[in-house]
């Protein structure tokens, strides 16, 4: 399971993937002197404010396309 840290800096969005050990080390080092969000206030990170980050635990998924055919039958 990965941890994804999303942050905004000078108008640019950065997404960094961490293992549990790596993110724990970052947190313990004090390097992440940030305000952590507990929900997504706005999808535009420019409105999050300075030193604000979103930490998400999960896996990246890729949907698989499926071919679907619709068949109509009249009574």
PDB file of N, CA and C in Angstrom:
ATOM      1  N   UNK A   1       0.854  -1.172   0.000  1.00  0.00           N
ATOM      2  CA  UNK A   1       0.000   0.000   0.000  1.00  0.00           C
ATOM      3  C   UNK A   1       0.901   1.237   0.000  1.00  0.00           C
ATOM      4  N   UNK A   2       0.604   2.168  -0.846  1.00  0.00           N
ATOM      5  CA  UNK A   2       1.375   3.403  -0.964  1.00  0.00           C
ATOM      6  C   UNK A   2       0.641   4.571  -0.307  1.00  0.00           C
ATOM      7  N   UNK A   3       1.391   5.604  -0.019  1.00  0.00           N
ATOM      8  CA  UNK A   3       0.863   6.874   0.463  1.00  0.00           C
ATOM      9  C   UNK A   3       1.212   7.921  -0.581  1.00  0.00           C
ATOM     10  N   UNK A   4       0.233   8.723  -0.954  1.00  0.00           N
ATOM     11  CA  UNK A   4       0.437   9.756  -1.966  1.00  0.00           C
ATOM     12  C   UNK A   4       0.257  11.121  -1.316  1.00  0.00           C
ATOM     13  N   UNK A   5       1.296  11.942  -1.396  1.00  0.00           N
ATOM     14  CA  UNK A   5       1.284  13.279  -0.821  1.00  0.00           C
ATOM     15  C   UNK A   5       1.082  14.267  -1.965  1.00  0.00           C
ATOM     16  N   UNK A   6       0.009  15.047  -1.885  1.00  0.00           N
ATOM     17  CA  UNK A   6      -0.314  16.029  -2.919  1.00  0.00           C
ATOM     18  C   UNK A   6      -0.145  17.407  -2.310  1.00  0.00           C
ATOM     19  N   UNK A   7       0.666  18.228  -2.980  1.00  0.00           N
ATOM     20  CA  UNK A   7       0.907  19.573  -2.452  1.00  0.00           C
ATOM     21  C   UNK A   7       1.031  20.575  -3.592  1.00  0.00           C
ATOM     22  N   UNK A   8       0.830  21.826  -3.240  1.00  0.00           N
ATOM     23  CA  UNK A   8       0.918  22.924  -4.181  1.00  0.00           C
ATOM     24  C   UNK A   8       2.065  23.815  -3.739  1.00  0.00           C
ATOM     25  N   UNK A   9       2.907  24.201  -4.691  1.00  0.00           N
ATOM     26  CA  UNK A   9       3.998  25.113  -4.370  1.00  0.00           C
ATOM     27  C   UNK A   9       4.190  26.067  -5.540  1.00  0.00           C
ATOM     28  N   UNK A  10       3.977  27.335  -5.284  1.00  0.00           N
ATOM     29  CA  UNK A  10       4.133  28.371  -6.313  1.00  0.00           C
ATOM     30  C   UNK A  10       3.298  28.089  -7.555  1.00  0.00           C
ATOM     31  N   UNK A  11       2.093  27.572  -7.367  1.00  0.00           N
ATOM     32  CA  UNK A  11       1.186  27.328  -8.481  1.00  0.00           C
ATOM     33  C   UNK A  11       1.373  25.994  -9.177  1.00  0.00           C
ATOM     34  N   UNK A  12       2.366  25.210  -8.773  1.00  0.00           N
ATOM     35  CA  UNK A  12       2.588  23.887  -9.358  1.00  0.00           C
ATOM     36  C   UNK A  12       2.097  22.817  -8.388  1.00  0.00           C
ATOM     37  N   UNK A  13       1.561  21.739  -8.929  1.00  0.00           N
ATOM     38  CA  UNK A  13       1.075  20.635  -8.106  1.00  0.00           C
ATOM     39  C   UNK A  13       2.094  19.504  -8.156  1.00  0.00           C
ATOM     40  N   UNK A  14       2.414  18.981  -6.985  1.00  0.00           N
ATOM     41  CA  UNK A  14       3.355  17.873  -6.884  1.00  0.00           C
ATOM     42  C   UNK A  14       2.674  16.691  -6.212  1.00  0.00           C
ATOM     43  N   UNK A  15       2.876  15.509  -6.774  1.00  0.00           N
ATOM     44  CA  UNK A  15       2.366  14.267  -6.182  1.00  0.00           C
ATOM     45  C   UNK A  15       3.575  13.370  -5.965  1.00  0.00           C
ATOM     46  N   UNK A  16       3.771  12.954  -4.724  1.00  0.00           N
ATOM     47  CA  UNK A  16       4.902  12.107  -4.378  1.00  0.00           C
ATOM     48  C   UNK A  16       4.382  10.829  -3.745  1.00  0.00           C
ATOM     49  N   UNK A  17       4.883   9.688  -4.220  1.00  0.00           N
ATOM     50  CA  UNK A  17       4.489   8.388  -3.664  1.00  0.00           C
ATOM     51  C   UNK A  17       5.512   7.953  -2.620  1.00  0.00           C
ATOM     52  N   UNK A  18       5.016   7.435  -1.509  1.00  0.00           N
ATOM     53  CA  UNK A  18       5.861   6.974  -0.413  1.00  0.00           C
ATOM     54  C   UNK A  18       5.412   5.592   0.041  1.00  0.00           C
ATOM     55  N   UNK A  19       6.355   4.849   0.587  1.00  0.00           N
ATOM     56  CA  UNK A  19       5.989   3.658   1.345  1.00  0.00           C
ATOM     57  C   UNK A  19       5.613   4.141   2.742  1.00  0.00           C
ATOM     58  N   UNK A  20       5.052   3.266   3.553  1.00  0.00           N
ATOM     59  CA  UNK A  20       4.695   3.653   4.915  1.00  0.00           C
ATOM     60  C   UNK A  20       5.936   4.091   5.689  1.00  0.00           C
ATOM     61  N   UNK A  21       7.026   3.358   5.520  1.00  0.00           N
ATOM     62  CA  UNK A  21       8.278   3.687   6.219  1.00  0.00           C
ATOM     63  C   UNK A  21       8.790   5.060   5.776  1.00  0.00           C
ATOM     64  N   UNK A  22       8.753   5.328   4.476  1.00  0.00           N
ATOM     65  CA  UNK A  22       9.261   6.605   3.956  1.00  0.00           C
ATOM     66  C   UNK A  22       8.443   7.796   4.451  1.00  0.00           C
ATOM     67  N   UNK A  23       7.117   7.675   4.421  1.00  0.00           N
ATOM     68  CA  UNK A  23       6.294   8.813   4.866  1.00  0.00           C
ATOM     69  C   UNK A  23       6.441   9.012   6.374  1.00  0.00           C
ATOM     70  N   UNK A  24       6.601   7.921   7.114  1.00  0.00           N
ATOM     71  CA  UNK A  24       6.808   8.034   8.560  1.00  0.00           C
ATOM     72  C   UNK A  24       8.110   8.768   8.855  1.00  0.00           C
ATOM     73  N   UNK A  25       9.161   8.463   8.083  1.00  0.00           N
ATOM     74  CA  UNK A  25      10.445   9.143   8.261  1.00  0.00           C
ATOM     75  C   UNK A  25      10.321  10.631   7.932  1.00  0.00           C
ATOM     76  N   UNK A  26       9.584  10.972   6.858  1.00  0.00           N
ATOM     77  CA  UNK A  26       9.364  12.379   6.497  1.00  0.00           C
ATOM     78  C   UNK A  26       8.624  13.120   7.610  1.00  0.00           C
ATOM     79  N   UNK A  27       7.596  12.478   8.146  1.00  0.00           N
ATOM     80  CA  UNK A  27       6.818  13.100   9.218  1.00  0.00           C
ATOM     81  C   UNK A  27       7.664  13.290  10.466  1.00  0.00           C
ATOM     82  N   UNK A  28       8.426  12.269  10.832  1.00  0.00           N
ATOM     83  CA  UNK A  28       9.248  12.324  12.044  1.00  0.00           C
ATOM     84  C   UNK A  28      10.396  13.325  11.919  1.00  0.00           C
ATOM     85  N   UNK A  29      10.867  13.570  10.701  1.00  0.00           N
ATOM     86  CA  UNK A  29      11.997  14.487  10.496  1.00  0.00           C
ATOM     87  C   UNK A  29      11.591  15.949  10.648  1.00  0.00           C
ATOM     88  N   UNK A  30      10.290  16.219  10.575  1.00  0.00           N
ATOM     89  CA  UNK A  30       9.819  17.594  10.670  1.00  0.00           C
ATOM     90  C   UNK A  30       9.860  18.338   9.347  1.00  0.00           C
ATOM     91  N   UNK A  31      10.293  17.670   8.284  1.00  0.00           N
ATOM     92  CA  UNK A  31      10.370  18.308   6.966  1.00  0.00           C
ATOM     93  C   UNK A  31       8.991  18.685   6.432  1.00  0.00           C
ATOM     94  N   UNK A  32       7.978  17.915   6.808  1.00  0.00           N
ATOM     95  CA  UNK A  32       6.619  18.201   6.352  1.00  0.00           C
ATOM     96  C   UNK A  32       5.933  19.118   7.350  1.00  0.00           C
ATOM     97  N   UNK A  33       6.431  20.324   7.447  1.00  0.00           N
ATOM     98  CA  UNK A  33       5.854  21.313   8.353  1.00  0.00           C
ATOM     99  C   UNK A  33       4.645  21.924   7.646  1.00  0.00           C
ATOM    100  N   UNK A  34       3.588  21.149   7.566  1.00  0.00           N
ATOM    101  CA  UNK A  34       2.429  21.542   6.762  1.00  0.00           C
ATOM    102  C   UNK A  34       1.139  21.323   7.520  1.00  0.00           C
ATOM    103  N   UNK A  35       0.094  21.940   6.994  1.00  0.00           N
ATOM    104  CA  UNK A  35      -1.256  21.682   7.495  1.00  0.00           C
ATOM    105  C   UNK A  35      -1.831  20.566   6.647  1.00  0.00           C
ATOM    106  N   UNK A  36      -2.312  19.512   7.297  1.00  0.00           N
ATOM    107  CA  UNK A  36      -2.849  18.364   6.584  1.00  0.00           C
ATOM    108  C   UNK A  36      -4.361  18.492   6.459  1.00  0.00           C
ATOM    109  N   UNK A  37      -4.861  18.266   5.252  1.00  0.00           N
ATOM    110  CA  UNK A  37      -6.301  18.307   5.006  1.00  0.00           C
ATOM    111  C   UNK A  37      -6.933  16.983   5.401  1.00  0.00           C
ATOM    112  N   UNK A  38      -8.157  17.037   5.919  1.00  0.00           N
ATOM    113  CA  UNK A  38      -8.877  15.803   6.234  1.00  0.00           C
ATOM    114  C   UNK A  38     -10.002  15.544   5.236  1.00  0.00           C
ATOM    115  N   UNK A  39     -10.109  16.422   4.236  1.00  0.00           N
ATOM    116  CA  UNK A  39     -11.064  16.243   3.136  1.00  0.00           C
ATOM    117  C   UNK A  39     -10.574  17.099   1.976  1.00  0.00           C
ATOM    118  N   UNK A  40     -11.225  16.993   0.845  1.00  0.00           N
ATOM    119  CA  UNK A  40     -10.841  17.739  -0.345  1.00  0.00           C
ATOM    120  C   UNK A  40     -11.692  18.997  -0.441  1.00  0.00           C
ATOM    121  N   UNK A  41     -11.156  20.160  -0.021  1.00  0.00           N
ATOM    122  CA  UNK A  41     -11.959  21.379   0.006  1.00  0.00           C
ATOM    123  C   UNK A  41     -12.259  21.923  -1.380  1.00  0.00           C
ATOM    124  N   UNK A  42     -11.338  21.747  -2.299  1.00  0.00           N
ATOM    125  CA  UNK A  42     -11.487  22.262  -3.658  1.00  0.00           C
ATOM    126  C   UNK A  42     -10.523  21.466  -4.527  1.00  0.00           C
ATOM    127  N   UNK A  43     -10.937  21.114  -5.734  1.00  0.00           N
ATOM    128  CA  UNK A  43     -10.051  20.342  -6.595  1.00  0.00           C
ATOM    129  C   UNK A  43      -8.888  21.182  -7.120  1.00  0.00           C
ATOM    130  N   UNK A  44      -8.984  22.495  -7.051  1.00  0.00           N
ATOM    131  CA  UNK A  44      -7.912  23.390  -7.462  1.00  0.00           C
ATOM    132  C   UNK A  44      -7.013  23.663  -6.257  1.00  0.00           C
ATOM    133  N   UNK A  45      -5.812  23.117  -6.286  1.00  0.00           N
ATOM    134  CA  UNK A  45      -4.912  23.242  -5.138  1.00  0.00           C
ATOM    135  C   UNK A  45      -4.481  24.677  -4.868  1.00  0.00           C
ATOM    136  N   UNK A  46      -4.671  25.572  -5.824  1.00  0.00           N
ATOM    137  CA  UNK A  46      -4.326  26.979  -5.583  1.00  0.00           C
ATOM    138  C   UNK A  46      -5.185  27.591  -4.485  1.00  0.00           C
ATOM    139  N   UNK A  47      -6.322  26.982  -4.166  1.00  0.00           N
ATOM    140  CA  UNK A  47      -7.208  27.492  -3.116  1.00  0.00           C
ATOM    141  C   UNK A  47      -6.994  26.787  -1.777  1.00  0.00           C
ATOM    142  N   UNK A  48      -6.032  25.881  -1.702  1.00  0.00           N
ATOM    143  CA  UNK A  48      -5.777  25.167  -0.457  1.00  0.00           C
ATOM    144  C   UNK A  48      -5.034  26.016   0.556  1.00  0.00           C
ATOM    145  N   UNK A  49      -4.264  26.992   0.105  1.00  0.00           N
ATOM    146  CA  UNK A  49      -3.439  27.790   0.997  1.00  0.00           C
ATOM    147  C   UNK A  49      -2.010  27.276   1.008  1.00  0.00           C
ATOM    148  N   UNK A  50      -1.133  28.086   1.545  1.00  0.00           N
ATOM    149  CA  UNK A  50       0.289  27.723   1.603  1.00  0.00           C
ATOM    150  C   UNK A  50       0.530  26.618   2.630  1.00  0.00           C
ATOM    151  N   UNK A  51       1.520  25.782   2.341  1.00  0.00           N
ATOM    152  CA  UNK A  51       1.941  24.698   3.240  1.00  0.00           C
ATOM    153  C   UNK A  51       0.787  23.786   3.628  1.00  0.00           C
ATOM    154  N   UNK A  52      -0.093  23.519   2.670  1.00  0.00           N
ATOM    155  CA  UNK A  52      -1.220  22.626   2.903  1.00  0.00           C
ATOM    156  C   UNK A  52      -1.061  21.411   1.999  1.00  0.00           C
ATOM    157  N   UNK A  53      -1.232  20.224   2.566  1.00  0.00           N
ATOM    158  CA  UNK A  53      -1.048  18.996   1.799  1.00  0.00           C
ATOM    159  C   UNK A  53      -2.208  18.038   2.044  1.00  0.00           C
ATOM    160  N   UNK A  54      -2.378  17.139   1.104  1.00  0.00           N
ATOM    161  CA  UNK A  54      -3.366  16.068   1.217  1.00  0.00           C
ATOM    162  C   UNK A  54      -2.607  14.758   1.141  1.00  0.00           C
ATOM    163  N   UNK A  55      -2.780  13.907   2.124  1.00  0.00           N
ATOM    164  CA  UNK A  55      -2.116  12.610   2.181  1.00  0.00           C
ATOM    165  C   UNK A  55      -3.170  11.529   1.978  1.00  0.00           C
ATOM    166  N   UNK A  56      -2.975  10.710   0.938  1.00  0.00           N
ATOM    167  CA  UNK A  56      -3.947   9.666   0.593  1.00  0.00           C
ATOM    168  C   UNK A  56      -3.251   8.309   0.661  1.00  0.00           C
ATOM    169  N   UNK A  57      -3.901   7.358   1.315  1.00  0.00           N
ATOM    170  CA  UNK A  57      -3.401   5.990   1.392  1.00  0.00           C
ATOM    171  C   UNK A  57      -4.202   5.148   0.414  1.00  0.00           C
ATOM    172  N   UNK A  58      -3.527   4.453  -0.489  1.00  0.00           N
ATOM    173  CA  UNK A  58      -4.251   3.623  -1.441  1.00  0.00           C
ATOM    174  C   UNK A  58      -3.375   3.136  -2.572  1.00  0.00           C
ATOM    175  N   UNK A  59      -4.023   2.625  -3.568  1.00  0.00           N
ATOM    176  CA  UNK A  59      -3.356   2.117  -4.758  1.00  0.00           C
ATOM    177  C   UNK A  59      -3.907   2.831  -5.974  1.00  0.00           C
ATOM    178  N   UNK A  60      -3.065   3.035  -6.966  1.00  0.00           N
ATOM    179  CA  UNK A  60      -3.511   3.594  -8.232  1.00  0.00           C
ATOM    180  C   UNK A  60      -4.175   2.477  -9.022  1.00  0.00           C
ATOM    181  N   UNK A  61      -5.321   2.763  -9.577  1.00  0.00           N
ATOM    182  CA  UNK A  61      -6.027   1.763 -10.373  1.00  0.00           C
ATOM    183  C   UNK A  61      -6.203   2.271 -11.796  1.00  0.00           C
ATOM    184  N   UNK A  62      -6.242   1.330 -12.731  1.00  0.00           N
ATOM    185  CA  UNK A  62      -6.477   1.640 -14.139  1.00  0.00           C
ATOM    186  C   UNK A  62      -7.693   0.835 -14.575  1.00  0.00           C
ATOM    187  N   UNK A  63      -8.772   1.507 -14.967  1.00  0.00           N
ATOM    188  CA  UNK A  63      -9.957   0.770 -15.396  1.00  0.00           C
ATOM    189  C   UNK A  63      -9.686   0.021 -16.697  1.00  0.00           C
ATOM    190  N   UNK A  64     -10.258  -1.159 -16.786  1.00  0.00           N
ATOM    191  CA  UNK A  64     -10.115  -1.972 -17.990  1.00  0.00           C
ATOM    192  C   UNK A  64     -11.342  -1.776 -18.870  1.00  0.00           C
ATOM    193  N   UNK A  65     -11.121  -1.418 -20.133  1.00  0.00           N
ATOM    194  CA  UNK A  65     -12.272  -1.236 -21.018  1.00  0.00           C
ATOM    195  C   UNK A  65     -12.938  -2.586 -21.304  1.00  0.00           C
ATOM    196  N   UNK A  66     -14.248  -2.579 -21.331  1.00  0.00           N
ATOM    197  CA  UNK A  66     -15.034  -3.777 -21.649  1.00  0.00           C
ATOM    198  C   UNK A  66     -15.974  -3.435 -22.791  1.00  0.00           C
ATOM    199  N   UNK A  67     -16.076  -4.333 -23.724  1.00  0.00           N
ATOM    200  CA  UNK A  67     -16.996  -4.131 -24.831  1.00  0.00           C
ATOM    201  C   UNK A  67     -18.382  -4.585 -24.387  1.00  0.00           C
ATOM    202  N   UNK A  68     -19.355  -3.712 -24.578  1.00  0.00           N
ATOM    203  CA  UNK A  68     -20.706  -4.007 -24.175  1.00  0.00           C
ATOM    204  C   UNK A  68     -21.620  -3.925 -25.399  1.00  0.00           C
ATOM    205  N   UNK A  69     -22.431  -4.946 -25.562  1.00  0.00           N
ATOM    206  CA  UNK A  69     -23.387  -4.970 -26.670  1.00  0.00           C
ATOM    207  C   UNK A  69     -24.785  -5.001 -26.105  1.00  0.00           C
ATOM    208  N   UNK A  70     -25.625  -4.139 -26.621  1.00  0.00           N
ATOM    209  CA  UNK A  70     -27.020  -4.122 -26.183  1.00  0.00           C
ATOM    210  C   UNK A  70     -27.858  -4.767 -27.288  1.00  0.00           C
ATOM    211  N   UNK A  71     -28.677  -5.704 -26.866  1.00  0.00           N
ATOM    212  CA  UNK A  71     -29.540  -6.410 -27.806  1.00  0.00           C
ATOM    213  C   UNK A  71     -30.980  -6.144 -27.401  1.00  0.00           C
ATOM    214  N   UNK A  72     -31.794  -5.736 -28.371  1.00  0.00           N
ATOM    215  CA  UNK A  72     -33.202  -5.481 -28.116  1.00  0.00           C
ATOM    216  C   UNK A  72     -34.023  -6.615 -28.698  1.00  0.00           C
ATOM    217  N   UNK A  73     -35.029  -7.036 -27.940  1.00  0.00           N
ATOM    218  CA  UNK A  73     -35.922  -8.089 -28.410  1.00  0.00           C
ATOM    219  C   UNK A  73     -37.347  -7.579 -28.277  1.00  0.00           C
ATOM    220  N   UNK A  74     -38.030  -7.613 -29.370  1.00  0.00           N
ATOM    221  CA  UNK A  74     -39.445  -7.189 -29.367  1.00  0.00           C
ATOM    222  C   UNK A  74     -40.334  -8.365 -29.004  1.00  0.00           C
ATOM    223  N   UNK A  75     -41.434  -8.110 -28.272  1.00  0.00           N
ATOM    224  CA  UNK A  75     -42.341  -9.204 -27.905  1.00  0.00           C
ATOM    225  C   UNK A  75     -43.153  -9.700 -29.092  1.00  0.00           C
TER     226      UNK A  75
END
